Amino acid sequence: MKKTLLSTLVSTLLLSSVAIADEHKNLTSQEVSAKATQTATTKAKDNKVKLVQEALESLKLSAKAVDELNQNKVDDAKKTVELALGKLESILVAEHTPKLLPIENQIVIKNFVGTSEDVKKALAEVKKLLALGKVQEAGELLISLQSEIDITTVSLPLASYPDALKLASKYLIEKHPAKAKHVLEIALNTFAQDEQIIPIPLINALELVHVASTIAKNDKEQALKHLAMAKDDLKKAELLGYVSSSTTTYKQLEDLIEKTEKEVKGPNKAEKLFKELGEKLKEFKEKILSTNDKNEKK
């Protein structure tokens, strides 16, 4: 499934941590994580791919034309198809016309709020249930082991839909209503579905690291708590199966956090380490999104 329509949204989510760090300086690690999740969710909802009203109206008219053909109102159907095409004119003549016109979108939040240890216990319980042959109970528990923002957009393929309307119009002019109806029915059932999965633990880890970097010199204790939770969030993301195509690994990120922790405890000249850690986390998260894209296309 293609994900090109959501690139702007994803970029916004990836960068959202930096924008809200200042207001998190006096928060506990749990509060930083909760606000990071809340902000990412709000960003996702605020940046929903804008639905193209003309496309929706055109679809309604196409459906109306099919209904009219079912009632043998061929002349009415002909006019309705022409109106459906007219709704797309402004889109078709515009520069940089998208290949997909969004007509519906949905955002679902699945947030496993436990720690990495809670994930381990749950996975152990799943194995136990499977060993006992309790497959359905194991399945229900597995479903709960998700911590992500799922964004789904249904779009109308502009490459084929207008041509289908033109063909239907041609058949109606040539007095072949059955063929026109068949073409319209196919057009009304041909959609592209785009999906994007954004792991919440990585959003939280990135924010925790960023806030820790801003308070490390003045509040070592709280900065270390942020880093410890960021490390746990990374472990949770790993256990939940969020795989990245990045050359960076979860182990390397964990090692870099531990190195940063040691520096904060010592002379606290960790600016470069924080910067490197933040960059690697951001790149790692971006690669997880691209990995999801590749998996969908298989």
C-alpha atoms as a PDB file:
ATOM      1  CA  MET A   1       0.000   0.000   0.000  1.00  0.00           C
ATOM      2  CA  LYS A   2       1.303   3.421  -0.886  1.00  0.00           C
ATOM      3  CA  LYS A   3       1.904   5.958   1.841  1.00  0.00           C
ATOM      4  CA  THR A   4       2.849   9.071  -0.103  1.00  0.00           C
ATOM      5  CA  LEU A   5      -0.204  11.041   1.046  1.00  0.00           C
ATOM      6  CA  LEU A   6       0.896  10.953   4.672  1.00  0.00           C
ATOM      7  CA  SER A   7       4.464  12.229   4.289  1.00  0.00           C
ATOM      8  CA  THR A   8       3.629  15.696   5.624  1.00  0.00           C
ATOM      9  CA  LEU A   9       1.819  14.268   8.618  1.00  0.00           C
ATOM     10  CA  VAL A  10       4.644  11.880   9.435  1.00  0.00           C
ATOM     11  CA  SER A  11       7.227  14.649   9.210  1.00  0.00           C
ATOM     12  CA  THR A  12       5.155  16.700  11.641  1.00  0.00           C
ATOM     13  CA  LEU A  13       4.958  13.834  14.093  1.00  0.00           C
ATOM     14  CA  LEU A  14       8.670  13.135  13.846  1.00  0.00           C
ATOM     15  CA  LEU A  15       9.478  16.741  14.655  1.00  0.00           C
ATOM     16  CA  SER A  16       6.769  17.307  17.260  1.00  0.00           C
ATOM     17  CA  SER A  17       9.049  16.336  20.147  1.00  0.00           C
ATOM     18  CA  VAL A  18      11.373  19.283  19.634  1.00  0.00           C
ATOM     19  CA  ALA A  19       8.523  21.798  19.599  1.00  0.00           C
ATOM     20  CA  ILE A  20       7.073  20.777  22.958  1.00  0.00           C
ATOM     21  CA  ALA A  21      10.214  20.062  24.965  1.00  0.00           C
ATOM     22  CA  ASP A  22      10.359  23.397  26.823  1.00  0.00           C
ATOM     23  CA  GLU A  23       6.985  22.925  28.518  1.00  0.00           C
ATOM     24  CA  HIS A  24       8.113  19.509  29.808  1.00  0.00           C
ATOM     25  CA  LYS A  25      11.139  20.644  31.772  1.00  0.00           C
ATOM     26  CA  ASN A  26       9.520  20.322  35.205  1.00  0.00           C
ATOM     27  CA  LEU A  27       7.604  17.109  34.549  1.00  0.00           C
ATOM     28  CA  THR A  28       8.264  13.586  35.755  1.00  0.00           C
ATOM     29  CA  SER A  29       9.281  10.942  33.226  1.00  0.00           C
ATOM     30  CA  GLN A  30       5.775   9.481  33.257  1.00  0.00           C
ATOM     31  CA  GLU A  31       4.274  12.912  32.617  1.00  0.00           C
ATOM     32  CA  VAL A  32       6.707  13.606  29.767  1.00  0.00           C
ATOM     33  CA  SER A  33       5.738  10.315  28.122  1.00  0.00           C
ATOM     34  CA  ALA A  34       2.030  10.927  28.601  1.00  0.00           C
ATOM     35  CA  LYS A  35       2.266  14.428  27.120  1.00  0.00           C
ATOM     36  CA  ALA A  36       4.403  13.196  24.212  1.00  0.00           C
ATOM     37  CA  THR A  37       1.785  10.561  23.372  1.00  0.00           C
ATOM     38  CA  GLN A  38      -1.031  13.094  23.753  1.00  0.00           C
ATOM     39  CA  THR A  39       0.743  15.635  21.544  1.00  0.00           C
ATOM     40  CA  ALA A  40       1.505  13.070  18.831  1.00  0.00           C
ATOM     41  CA  THR A  41      -2.133  11.960  18.887  1.00  0.00           C
ATOM     42  CA  THR A  42      -3.365  15.544  18.637  1.00  0.00           C
ATOM     43  CA  LYS A  43      -0.939  16.248  15.784  1.00  0.00           C
ATOM     44  CA  ALA A  44      -2.211  13.184  13.933  1.00  0.00           C
ATOM     45  CA  LYS A  45      -5.837  14.288  14.308  1.00  0.00           C
ATOM     46  CA  ASP A  46      -5.110  17.917  13.423  1.00  0.00           C
ATOM     47  CA  ASN A  47      -3.142  16.903  10.344  1.00  0.00           C
ATOM     48  CA  LYS A  48      -5.562  14.388   8.884  1.00  0.00           C
ATOM     49  CA  VAL A  49      -5.218  14.289   5.129  1.00  0.00           C
ATOM     50  CA  LYS A  50      -7.776  16.784   3.847  1.00  0.00           C
ATOM     51  CA  LEU A  51     -10.673  15.061   2.172  1.00  0.00           C
ATOM     52  CA  VAL A  52     -11.338  16.279  -1.359  1.00  0.00           C
ATOM     53  CA  GLN A  53     -14.962  17.398  -1.352  1.00  0.00           C
ATOM     54  CA  GLU A  54     -15.251  17.294  -5.132  1.00  0.00           C
ATOM     55  CA  ALA A  55     -14.221  13.639  -5.133  1.00  0.00           C
ATOM     56  CA  LEU A  56     -16.863  12.801  -2.531  1.00  0.00           C
ATOM     57  CA  GLU A  57     -19.566  14.593  -4.526  1.00  0.00           C
ATOM     58  CA  SER A  58     -18.474  12.877  -7.722  1.00  0.00           C
ATOM     59  CA  LEU A  59     -18.737   9.479  -6.040  1.00  0.00           C
ATOM     60  CA  LYS A  60     -22.233  10.279  -4.779  1.00  0.00           C
ATOM     61  CA  LEU A  61     -23.280  11.244  -8.296  1.00  0.00           C
ATOM     62  CA  SER A  62     -21.794   8.047  -9.735  1.00  0.00           C
ATOM     63  CA  ALA A  63     -23.775   6.019  -7.214  1.00  0.00           C
ATOM     64  CA  LYS A  64     -26.864   8.011  -8.136  1.00  0.00           C
ATOM     65  CA  ALA A  65     -26.275   7.209 -11.822  1.00  0.00           C
ATOM     66  CA  VAL A  66     -26.147   3.482 -11.048  1.00  0.00           C
ATOM     67  CA  ASP A  67     -29.435   3.799  -9.155  1.00  0.00           C
ATOM     68  CA  GLU A  68     -30.988   5.627 -12.098  1.00  0.00           C
ATOM     69  CA  LEU A  69     -29.830   2.915 -14.490  1.00  0.00           C
ATOM     70  CA  ASN A  70     -31.415   0.315 -12.207  1.00  0.00           C
ATOM     71  CA  GLN A  71     -34.661   2.226 -12.735  1.00  0.00           C
ATOM     72  CA  ASN A  72     -34.062   2.421 -16.527  1.00  0.00           C
ATOM     73  CA  LYS A  73     -33.702   6.213 -16.325  1.00  0.00           C
ATOM     74  CA  VAL A  74     -30.959   6.267 -18.968  1.00  0.00           C
ATOM     75  CA  ASP A  75     -31.241   9.961 -19.860  1.00  0.00           C
ATOM     76  CA  ASP A  76     -31.103  10.961 -16.208  1.00  0.00           C
ATOM     77  CA  ALA A  77     -28.087   8.698 -15.686  1.00  0.00           C
ATOM     78  CA  LYS A  78     -26.330  10.302 -18.640  1.00  0.00           C
ATOM     79  CA  LYS A  79     -26.760  13.771 -17.114  1.00  0.00           C
ATOM     80  CA  THR A  80     -25.666  12.532 -13.689  1.00  0.00           C
ATOM     81  CA  VAL A  81     -22.459  11.009 -15.070  1.00  0.00           C
ATOM     82  CA  GLU A  82     -21.696  14.302 -16.814  1.00  0.00           C
ATOM     83  CA  LEU A  83     -22.175  16.099 -13.500  1.00  0.00           C
ATOM     84  CA  ALA A  84     -19.901  13.567 -11.791  1.00  0.00           C
ATOM     85  CA  LEU A  85     -17.194  14.317 -14.351  1.00  0.00           C
ATOM     86  CA  GLY A  86     -17.759  18.040 -13.905  1.00  0.00           C
ATOM     87  CA  LYS A  87     -17.013  17.772 -10.202  1.00  0.00           C
ATOM     88  CA  LEU A  88     -13.513  16.581 -11.103  1.00  0.00           C
ATOM     89  CA  GLU A  89     -12.712  19.240 -13.697  1.00  0.00           C
ATOM     90  CA  SER A  90     -11.046  21.675 -11.298  1.00  0.00           C
ATOM     91  CA  ILE A  91      -8.920  18.854  -9.925  1.00  0.00           C
ATOM     92  CA  LEU A  92      -7.926  17.438 -13.300  1.00  0.00           C
ATOM     93  CA  VAL A  93      -6.734  20.791 -14.671  1.00  0.00           C
ATOM     94  CA  ALA A  94      -4.815  21.806 -11.555  1.00  0.00           C
ATOM     95  CA  GLU A  95      -1.027  21.690 -11.422  1.00  0.00           C
ATOM     96  CA  HIS A  96       0.566  18.906  -9.406  1.00  0.00           C
ATOM     97  CA  THR A  97      -2.666  16.926  -9.379  1.00  0.00           C
ATOM     98  CA  PRO A  98      -2.312  14.022  -6.922  1.00  0.00           C
ATOM     99  CA  LYS A  99      -2.683  10.472  -8.168  1.00  0.00           C
ATOM    100  CA  LEU A 100      -4.905   9.666  -5.213  1.00  0.00           C
ATOM    101  CA  LEU A 101      -7.794  11.780  -3.925  1.00  0.00           C
ATOM    102  CA  PRO A 102      -8.533  11.087  -0.229  1.00  0.00           C
ATOM    103  CA  ILE A 103     -12.195  10.424   0.512  1.00  0.00           C
ATOM    104  CA  GLU A 104     -12.057   8.905   3.997  1.00  0.00           C
ATOM    105  CA  ASN A 105      -9.554   8.662   6.828  1.00  0.00           C
ATOM    106  CA  GLN A 106      -9.378   7.204  10.298  1.00  0.00           C
ATOM    107  CA  ILE A 107      -6.957   7.389  13.239  1.00  0.00           C
ATOM    108  CA  VAL A 108      -6.825   4.631  15.857  1.00  0.00           C
ATOM    109  CA  ILE A 109      -4.712   4.820  19.018  1.00  0.00           C
ATOM    110  CA  LYS A 110      -3.517   1.544  20.539  1.00  0.00           C
ATOM    111  CA  ASN A 111      -1.469   2.316  23.628  1.00  0.00           C
ATOM    112  CA  PHE A 112       0.012  -0.429  25.802  1.00  0.00           C
ATOM    113  CA  VAL A 113       0.806   1.617  28.909  1.00  0.00           C
ATOM    114  CA  GLY A 114       2.916  -0.972  30.748  1.00  0.00           C
ATOM    115  CA  THR A 115       6.696  -1.261  30.953  1.00  0.00           C
ATOM    116  CA  SER A 116       8.999  -3.575  29.049  1.00  0.00           C
ATOM    117  CA  GLU A 117       8.772  -6.001  31.981  1.00  0.00           C
ATOM    118  CA  ASP A 118       4.996  -6.010  31.615  1.00  0.00           C
ATOM    119  CA  VAL A 119       5.434  -6.905  27.935  1.00  0.00           C
ATOM    120  CA  LYS A 120       7.768  -9.775  28.877  1.00  0.00           C
ATOM    121  CA  LYS A 121       5.226 -11.119  31.371  1.00  0.00           C
ATOM    122  CA  ALA A 122       2.436 -10.858  28.825  1.00  0.00           C
ATOM    123  CA  LEU A 123       4.485 -12.674  26.185  1.00  0.00           C
ATOM    124  CA  ALA A 124       5.299 -15.419  28.686  1.00  0.00           C
ATOM    125  CA  GLU A 125       1.590 -15.745  29.423  1.00  0.00           C
ATOM    126  CA  VAL A 126       0.858 -15.985  25.676  1.00  0.00           C
ATOM    127  CA  LYS A 127       3.324 -18.869  25.342  1.00  0.00           C
ATOM    128  CA  LYS A 128       1.750 -20.567  28.360  1.00  0.00           C
ATOM    129  CA  LEU A 129      -1.753 -20.232  26.928  1.00  0.00           C
ATOM    130  CA  LEU A 130      -0.641 -21.585  23.553  1.00  0.00           C
ATOM    131  CA  ALA A 131       1.008 -24.566  25.257  1.00  0.00           C
ATOM    132  CA  LEU A 132      -2.322 -25.270  26.954  1.00  0.00           C
ATOM    133  CA  GLY A 133      -4.135 -25.024  23.625  1.00  0.00           C
ATOM    134  CA  LYS A 134      -5.960 -21.840  24.601  1.00  0.00           C
ATOM    135  CA  VAL A 135      -5.388 -20.181  21.241  1.00  0.00           C
ATOM    136  CA  GLN A 136      -8.225 -17.641  21.420  1.00  0.00           C
ATOM    137  CA  GLU A 137      -7.193 -16.374  24.856  1.00  0.00           C
ATOM    138  CA  ALA A 138      -3.602 -16.088  23.641  1.00  0.00           C
ATOM    139  CA  GLY A 139      -4.804 -14.180  20.585  1.00  0.00           C
ATOM    140  CA  GLU A 140      -6.774 -11.697  22.694  1.00  0.00           C
ATOM    141  CA  LEU A 141      -3.721 -11.037  24.850  1.00  0.00           C
ATOM    142  CA  LEU A 142      -1.518 -10.574  21.787  1.00  0.00           C
ATOM    143  CA  ILE A 143      -3.928  -8.002  20.363  1.00  0.00           C
ATOM    144  CA  SER A 144      -3.407  -5.902  23.504  1.00  0.00           C
ATOM    145  CA  LEU A 145       0.350  -5.875  22.882  1.00  0.00           C
ATOM    146  CA  GLN A 146       0.325  -2.875  20.565  1.00  0.00           C
ATOM    147  CA  SER A 147       1.477   0.664  21.232  1.00  0.00           C
ATOM    148  CA  GLU A 148       0.994   2.723  18.101  1.00  0.00           C
ATOM    149  CA  ILE A 149      -0.898   5.394  16.203  1.00  0.00           C
ATOM    150  CA  ASP A 150      -2.569   3.845  13.154  1.00  0.00           C
ATOM    151  CA  ILE A 151      -3.573   6.187  10.339  1.00  0.00           C
ATOM    152  CA  THR A 152      -5.654   4.808   7.468  1.00  0.00           C
ATOM    153  CA  THR A 153      -6.647   6.852   4.414  1.00  0.00           C
ATOM    154  CA  VAL A 154      -8.956   5.600   1.653  1.00  0.00           C
ATOM    155  CA  SER A 155      -8.400   7.377  -1.657  1.00  0.00           C
ATOM    156  CA  LEU A 156      -9.884   7.515  -5.121  1.00  0.00           C
ATOM    157  CA  PRO A 157      -7.357   6.657  -7.879  1.00  0.00           C
ATOM    158  CA  LEU A 158      -7.396   9.653 -10.192  1.00  0.00           C
ATOM    159  CA  ALA A 159      -5.609   7.666 -12.889  1.00  0.00           C
ATOM    160  CA  SER A 160      -8.595   5.369 -13.475  1.00  0.00           C
ATOM    161  CA  TYR A 161     -11.773   6.878 -11.997  1.00  0.00           C
ATOM    162  CA  PRO A 162     -12.264   9.809 -14.457  1.00  0.00           C
ATOM    163  CA  ASP A 163     -11.575   7.482 -17.385  1.00  0.00           C
ATOM    164  CA  ALA A 164     -14.221   5.122 -16.062  1.00  0.00           C
ATOM    165  CA  LEU A 165     -16.746   7.970 -15.976  1.00  0.00           C
ATOM    166  CA  LYS A 166     -15.843   8.939 -19.535  1.00  0.00           C
ATOM    167  CA  LEU A 167     -16.255   5.350 -20.686  1.00  0.00           C
ATOM    168  CA  ALA A 168     -19.610   5.069 -18.913  1.00  0.00           C
ATOM    169  CA  SER A 169     -20.717   8.295 -20.592  1.00  0.00           C
ATOM    170  CA  LYS A 170     -19.629   6.910 -23.976  1.00  0.00           C
ATOM    171  CA  TYR A 171     -21.630   3.715 -23.427  1.00  0.00           C
ATOM    172  CA  LEU A 172     -24.704   5.721 -22.471  1.00  0.00           C
ATOM    173  CA  ILE A 173     -24.424   7.887 -25.584  1.00  0.00           C
ATOM    174  CA  GLU A 174     -24.112   4.691 -27.643  1.00  0.00           C
ATOM    175  CA  LYS A 175     -27.171   3.322 -25.799  1.00  0.00           C
ATOM    176  CA  HIS A 176     -25.383   0.529 -23.924  1.00  0.00           C
ATOM    177  CA  PRO A 177     -26.733   1.155 -20.386  1.00  0.00           C
ATOM    178  CA  ALA A 178     -25.763  -2.296 -19.091  1.00  0.00           C
ATOM    179  CA  LYS A 179     -22.118  -1.708 -20.022  1.00  0.00           C
ATOM    180  CA  ALA A 180     -22.225   1.778 -18.503  1.00  0.00           C
ATOM    181  CA  LYS A 181     -23.642   0.403 -15.262  1.00  0.00           C
ATOM    182  CA  HIS A 182     -20.942  -2.282 -15.121  1.00  0.00           C
ATOM    183  CA  VAL A 183     -18.174   0.295 -15.580  1.00  0.00           C
ATOM    184  CA  LEU A 184     -19.655   2.569 -12.896  1.00  0.00           C
ATOM    185  CA  GLU A 185     -19.973  -0.294 -10.421  1.00  0.00           C
ATOM    186  CA  ILE A 186     -16.312  -1.193 -10.936  1.00  0.00           C
ATOM    187  CA  ALA A 187     -15.298   2.462 -10.515  1.00  0.00           C
ATOM    188  CA  LEU A 188     -17.250   2.689  -7.264  1.00  0.00           C
ATOM    189  CA  ASN A 189     -15.377  -0.306  -5.863  1.00  0.00           C
ATOM    190  CA  THR A 190     -11.842   0.643  -6.862  1.00  0.00           C
ATOM    191  CA  PHE A 191     -10.037   2.438  -4.052  1.00  0.00           C
ATOM    192  CA  ALA A 192      -6.503   2.685  -2.682  1.00  0.00           C
ATOM    193  CA  GLN A 193      -5.940   2.283   1.040  1.00  0.00           C
ATOM    194  CA  ASP A 194      -2.908   3.916   2.659  1.00  0.00           C
ATOM    195  CA  GLU A 195      -1.776   2.881   6.127  1.00  0.00           C
ATOM    196  CA  GLN A 196       0.798   4.385   8.450  1.00  0.00           C
ATOM    197  CA  ILE A 197       1.901   2.932  11.782  1.00  0.00           C
ATOM    198  CA  ILE A 198       3.759   5.189  14.220  1.00  0.00           C
ATOM    199  CA  PRO A 199       5.140   3.396  17.328  1.00  0.00           C
ATOM    200  CA  ILE A 200       4.284   5.321  20.507  1.00  0.00           C
ATOM    201  CA  PRO A 201       7.278   4.063  22.552  1.00  0.00           C
ATOM    202  CA  LEU A 202       9.667   5.642  20.053  1.00  0.00           C
ATOM    203  CA  ILE A 203       7.792   8.947  20.160  1.00  0.00           C
ATOM    204  CA  ASN A 204       8.049   8.884  23.948  1.00  0.00           C
ATOM    205  CA  ALA A 205      11.723   7.864  23.951  1.00  0.00           C
ATOM    206  CA  LEU A 206      12.649  10.675  21.590  1.00  0.00           C
ATOM    207  CA  GLU A 207      10.834  13.231  23.751  1.00  0.00           C
ATOM    208  CA  LEU A 208      12.341  11.890  26.983  1.00  0.00           C
ATOM    209  CA  VAL A 209      15.844  12.139  25.543  1.00  0.00           C
ATOM    210  CA  HIS A 210      15.240  15.648  24.266  1.00  0.00           C
ATOM    211  CA  VAL A 211      13.844  16.896  27.597  1.00  0.00           C
ATOM    212  CA  ALA A 212      16.710  15.193  29.451  1.00  0.00           C
ATOM    213  CA  SER A 213      19.175  17.087  27.279  1.00  0.00           C
ATOM    214  CA  THR A 214      17.608  20.422  28.270  1.00  0.00           C
ATOM    215  CA  ILE A 215      17.753  19.797  32.038  1.00  0.00           C
ATOM    216  CA  ALA A 216      20.867  17.627  32.417  1.00  0.00           C
ATOM    217  CA  LYS A 217      23.100  20.427  33.707  1.00  0.00           C
ATOM    218  CA  ASN A 218      20.611  21.747  36.264  1.00  0.00           C
ATOM    219  CA  ASP A 219      18.773  18.578  37.284  1.00  0.00           C
ATOM    220  CA  LYS A 220      20.915  15.478  36.830  1.00  0.00           C
ATOM    221  CA  GLU A 221      18.594  13.259  38.859  1.00  0.00           C
ATOM    222  CA  GLN A 222      15.526  13.960  36.721  1.00  0.00           C
ATOM    223  CA  ALA A 223      17.533  13.793  33.489  1.00  0.00           C
ATOM    224  CA  LEU A 224      18.739  10.320  34.450  1.00  0.00           C
ATOM    225  CA  LYS A 225      15.158   9.246  35.202  1.00  0.00           C
ATOM    226  CA  HIS A 226      14.131  10.441  31.728  1.00  0.00           C
ATOM    227  CA  LEU A 227      16.968   8.478  30.132  1.00  0.00           C
ATOM    228  CA  ALA A 228      16.080   5.352  32.122  1.00  0.00           C
ATOM    229  CA  MET A 229      12.483   5.526  30.915  1.00  0.00           C
ATOM    230  CA  ALA A 230      13.625   6.208  27.351  1.00  0.00           C
ATOM    231  CA  LYS A 231      15.720   3.051  27.560  1.00  0.00           C
ATOM    232  CA  ASP A 232      12.706   1.098  28.809  1.00  0.00           C
ATOM    233  CA  ASP A 233      10.543   2.513  26.001  1.00  0.00           C
ATOM    234  CA  LEU A 234      13.100   1.302  23.463  1.00  0.00           C
ATOM    235  CA  LYS A 235      13.090  -2.158  25.034  1.00  0.00           C
ATOM    236  CA  LYS A 236       9.279  -2.134  24.949  1.00  0.00           C
ATOM    237  CA  ALA A 237       9.273  -1.146  21.258  1.00  0.00           C
ATOM    238  CA  GLU A 238      11.692  -3.975  20.529  1.00  0.00           C
ATOM    239  CA  LEU A 239       9.643  -6.562  22.424  1.00  0.00           C
ATOM    240  CA  LEU A 240       6.470  -5.394  20.692  1.00  0.00           C
ATOM    241  CA  GLY A 241       8.114  -6.082  17.348  1.00  0.00           C
ATOM    242  CA  TYR A 242       8.556  -2.625  15.829  1.00  0.00           C
ATOM    243  CA  VAL A 243      11.324  -3.418  13.368  1.00  0.00           C
ATOM    244  CA  SER A 244      13.480  -0.771  11.682  1.00  0.00           C
ATOM    245  CA  SER A 245      15.455  -1.014   8.458  1.00  0.00           C
ATOM    246  CA  SER A 246      17.994   1.388   9.973  1.00  0.00           C
ATOM    247  CA  THR A 247      21.638   0.363  10.272  1.00  0.00           C
ATOM    248  CA  THR A 248      21.252   1.513  13.876  1.00  0.00           C
ATOM    249  CA  THR A 249      19.976  -1.221  16.199  1.00  0.00           C
ATOM    250  CA  TYR A 250      18.084  -1.220  19.487  1.00  0.00           C
ATOM    251  CA  LYS A 251      21.278  -2.451  21.163  1.00  0.00           C
ATOM    252  CA  GLN A 252      23.285   0.479  19.792  1.00  0.00           C
ATOM    253  CA  LEU A 253      20.646   2.946  21.002  1.00  0.00           C
ATOM    254  CA  GLU A 254      20.650   1.333  24.437  1.00  0.00           C
ATOM    255  CA  ASP A 255      24.443   1.494  24.590  1.00  0.00           C
ATOM    256  CA  LEU A 256      24.386   5.149  23.576  1.00  0.00           C
ATOM    257  CA  ILE A 257      21.848   5.957  26.318  1.00  0.00           C
ATOM    258  CA  GLU A 258      24.047   4.196  28.887  1.00  0.00           C
ATOM    259  CA  LYS A 259      27.067   6.147  27.659  1.00  0.00           C
ATOM    260  CA  THR A 260      25.065   9.361  27.975  1.00  0.00           C
ATOM    261  CA  GLU A 261      23.958   8.380  31.483  1.00  0.00           C
ATOM    262  CA  LYS A 262      27.568   7.926  32.575  1.00  0.00           C
ATOM    263  CA  GLU A 263      28.493  11.316  31.171  1.00  0.00           C
ATOM    264  CA  VAL A 264      25.552  12.991  32.970  1.00  0.00           C
ATOM    265  CA  LYS A 265      26.651  11.380  36.245  1.00  0.00           C
ATOM    266  CA  GLY A 266      30.221  12.556  35.716  1.00  0.00           C
ATOM    267  CA  PRO A 267      31.513  15.882  34.351  1.00  0.00           C
ATOM    268  CA  ASN A 268      28.251  16.229  32.406  1.00  0.00           C
ATOM    269  CA  LYS A 269      29.624  17.293  29.038  1.00  0.00           C
ATOM    270  CA  ALA A 270      27.008  15.267  27.218  1.00  0.00           C
ATOM    271  CA  GLU A 271      25.803  17.755  24.609  1.00  0.00           C
ATOM    272  CA  LYS A 272      27.301  15.846  21.689  1.00  0.00           C
ATOM    273  CA  LEU A 273      26.053  12.533  23.047  1.00  0.00           C
ATOM    274  CA  PHE A 274      22.518  13.890  23.420  1.00  0.00           C
ATOM    275  CA  LYS A 275      22.635  15.268  19.892  1.00  0.00           C
ATOM    276  CA  GLU A 276      23.899  11.965  18.475  1.00  0.00           C
ATOM    277  CA  LEU A 277      21.305   9.994  20.434  1.00  0.00           C
ATOM    278  CA  GLY A 278      18.470  12.253  19.302  1.00  0.00           C
ATOM    279  CA  GLU A 279      19.533  12.047  15.659  1.00  0.00           C
ATOM    280  CA  LYS A 280      19.874   8.271  15.762  1.00  0.00           C
ATOM    281  CA  LEU A 281      16.490   7.876  17.454  1.00  0.00           C
ATOM    282  CA  LYS A 282      14.802  10.084  14.865  1.00  0.00           C
ATOM    283  CA  GLU A 283      16.465   8.263  11.966  1.00  0.00           C
ATOM    284  CA  PHE A 284      15.599   4.902  13.544  1.00  0.00           C
ATOM    285  CA  LYS A 285      11.924   5.906  13.809  1.00  0.00           C
ATOM    286  CA  GLU A 286      11.835   7.148  10.218  1.00  0.00           C
ATOM    287  CA  LYS A 287      13.268   3.823   9.049  1.00  0.00           C
ATOM    288  CA  ILE A 288      10.602   1.930  10.981  1.00  0.00           C
ATOM    289  CA  LEU A 289       8.017   3.808   8.930  1.00  0.00           C
ATOM    290  CA  SER A 290       9.797   2.902   5.701  1.00  0.00           C
ATOM    291  CA  THR A 291      10.054  -0.724   6.862  1.00  0.00           C
ATOM    292  CA  ASN A 292       6.261  -0.787   7.381  1.00  0.00           C
ATOM    293  CA  ASP A 293       5.914   0.562   3.835  1.00  0.00           C
ATOM    294  CA  LYS A 294       8.046  -2.245   2.385  1.00  0.00           C
ATOM    295  CA  ASN A 295       6.181  -4.906   4.353  1.00  0.00           C
ATOM    296  CA  GLU A 296       2.833  -3.627   3.047  1.00  0.00           C
ATOM    297  CA  LYS A 297       4.032  -3.838  -0.545  1.00  0.00           C
ATOM    298  CA  LYS A 298       5.104  -7.486  -0.271  1.00  0.00           C
END
